[in-house]
Amino acid sequence: QVQLVESGGGLVQAGGSLRLSCAASGRTFWSADMAWYRQAPGKEREFVAVIMWSHGSVYYTSYGDSVKGRFTISTDNAKNTVYLQMNFLKPEDTAIYSCKVHLPSGDDYWGPGTQVTVSS
């Protein structure tokens, strides 16, 4: 069983920054894909970023088109935590941000999400 808990959301003005954290517990992630998604009211869930690691090393990152150049995903393997640094935030970034871990077994686990609100 895997538990994910996001934190770091809040209210920020346009142009500001936030750093989200997603702490995973329940097992050690030697190889896993960890991703951030977001969902705004009335909209479908949107891919934000993914980081893939194997044997404790990161080998791939990717971003959604709407956040490229502004958001950065990173990980602290020792803490089983993935971060999302969000800079130059825009009102359209307002959403609930959730992290997901995809294990080599094919299982997916989701966190409950954290609200990010960007005021204009």
Protein backbone atom coordinates (compact mmCIF):
# COMPACT_ATOMS: atom_id res chain seq x y z
CA GLN A 1 0.00 0.00 0.00
CA VAL A 2 1.25 3.46 -0.91
CA GLN A 3 0.17 6.72 0.65
CA LEU A 4 0.75 10.07 -1.00
CA VAL A 5 0.31 13.42 0.68
CA GLU A 6 0.63 16.71 -1.16
CA SER A 7 1.43 20.03 0.49
CA GLY A 8 2.51 23.53 -0.41
CA GLY A 9 -0.62 24.79 -2.12
CA GLY A 10 -2.17 28.14 -1.34
CA LEU A 11 -3.09 31.55 -2.66
CA VAL A 12 -0.52 33.54 -4.63
CA GLN A 13 -0.60 36.57 -6.89
CA ALA A 14 0.04 36.26 -10.59
CA GLY A 15 3.76 36.22 -11.29
CA GLY A 16 4.51 34.58 -7.96
CA SER A 17 5.89 31.17 -7.09
CA LEU A 18 4.92 28.12 -5.09
CA ARG A 19 6.60 24.81 -4.41
CA LEU A 20 4.44 21.75 -4.04
CA SER A 21 5.62 18.61 -2.30
CA CYS A 22 4.34 15.06 -2.54
CA ALA A 23 5.57 12.71 0.12
CA ALA A 24 5.19 9.00 -0.53
CA SER A 25 5.16 6.37 2.18
CA GLY A 26 4.42 2.72 2.44
CA ARG A 27 7.32 1.38 0.43
CA THR A 28 10.70 2.36 -0.96
CA PHE A 29 10.66 3.60 -4.53
CA TRP A 30 13.66 2.19 -6.27
CA SER A 31 11.98 2.56 -9.64
CA ALA A 32 8.83 4.56 -10.24
CA ASP A 33 7.28 7.28 -12.28
CA MET A 34 5.97 10.19 -10.27
CA ALA A 35 3.79 12.79 -11.89
CA TRP A 36 1.77 15.89 -11.18
CA TYR A 37 -1.65 16.49 -12.65
CA ARG A 38 -4.10 19.31 -12.12
CA GLN A 39 -7.80 19.80 -12.49
CA ALA A 40 -9.57 23.13 -12.64
CA PRO A 41 -13.30 23.48 -11.97
CA GLY A 42 -15.32 22.32 -14.95
CA LYS A 43 -12.25 21.07 -16.80
CA GLU A 44 -10.68 17.70 -17.42
CA ARG A 45 -7.62 16.57 -15.54
CA GLU A 46 -4.47 17.91 -17.18
CA PHE A 47 -0.97 16.45 -17.20
CA VAL A 48 1.58 18.82 -15.66
CA ALA A 49 4.88 17.00 -15.28
CA VAL A 50 6.45 13.60 -14.80
CA ILE A 51 9.76 12.38 -13.48
CA MET A 52 10.97 8.86 -14.02
CA TRP A 53 13.68 7.17 -12.11
CA SER A 54 15.24 3.78 -12.07
CA HIS A 55 17.57 2.27 -9.52
CA GLY A 56 17.56 5.52 -7.60
CA SER A 57 18.55 7.79 -10.48
CA VAL A 58 16.43 10.17 -12.53
CA TYR A 59 16.56 9.46 -16.22
CA TYR A 60 13.62 11.35 -17.71
CA THR A 61 11.41 14.39 -17.13
CA SER A 62 8.61 15.81 -19.22
CA TYR A 63 6.19 18.72 -18.96
CA GLY A 64 2.83 19.75 -20.28
CA ASP A 65 2.93 22.46 -22.92
CA SER A 66 1.16 24.99 -20.73
CA VAL A 67 3.81 24.85 -17.98
CA LYS A 68 7.04 24.34 -19.92
CA GLY A 69 9.69 26.82 -18.93
CA ARG A 70 7.82 27.83 -15.76
CA PHE A 71 7.50 24.63 -13.72
CA THR A 72 10.24 22.25 -12.63
CA ILE A 73 9.77 18.76 -11.25
CA SER A 74 12.40 17.25 -9.01
CA THR A 75 12.77 14.53 -6.46
CA ASP A 76 14.49 13.71 -3.22
CA ASN A 77 14.91 9.96 -3.37
CA ALA A 78 16.03 9.70 0.23
CA LYS A 79 12.77 11.29 1.34
CA ASN A 80 10.55 9.58 -1.25
CA THR A 81 9.34 13.03 -2.12
CA VAL A 82 8.66 14.72 -5.43
CA TYR A 83 8.49 18.48 -5.78
CA LEU A 84 6.92 20.83 -8.26
CA GLN A 85 8.48 24.28 -8.35
CA MET A 86 6.02 26.65 -10.00
CA ASN A 87 7.25 30.06 -11.13
CA PHE A 88 5.60 32.91 -13.02
CA LEU A 89 2.20 31.63 -12.01
CA LYS A 90 -0.84 32.69 -13.99
CA PRO A 91 -4.52 32.78 -13.01
CA GLU A 92 -5.09 29.89 -15.42
CA ASP A 93 -2.80 27.75 -13.26
CA THR A 94 -5.52 27.74 -10.59
CA ALA A 95 -6.49 24.14 -9.94
CA ILE A 96 -6.24 21.22 -7.58
CA TYR A 97 -2.82 19.68 -8.03
CA SER A 98 -2.45 15.96 -7.40
CA CYS A 99 0.52 13.65 -7.55
CA LYS A 100 0.50 10.15 -8.90
CA VAL A 101 3.00 7.33 -8.57
CA HIS A 102 3.15 4.62 -11.21
CA LEU A 103 4.96 1.50 -10.11
CA PRO A 104 6.69 -1.05 -12.33
CA SER A 105 3.93 -3.49 -11.30
CA GLY A 106 1.47 -1.29 -13.18
CA ASP A 107 -0.26 -0.01 -10.05
CA ASP A 108 -1.11 3.67 -9.79
CA TYR A 109 -1.63 5.60 -6.58
CA TRP A 110 -2.98 9.13 -6.22
CA GLY A 111 -2.77 11.72 -3.50
CA PRO A 112 -5.82 13.71 -2.36
CA GLY A 113 -4.55 16.92 -3.96
CA THR A 114 -3.70 20.45 -2.88
CA GLN A 115 -5.42 23.63 -3.98
CA VAL A 116 -3.46 26.28 -5.85
CA THR A 117 -5.17 29.60 -6.44
CA VAL A 118 -3.54 32.36 -8.47
CA SER A 119 -5.11 35.79 -8.25
CA SER A 120 -4.84 38.35 -11.01
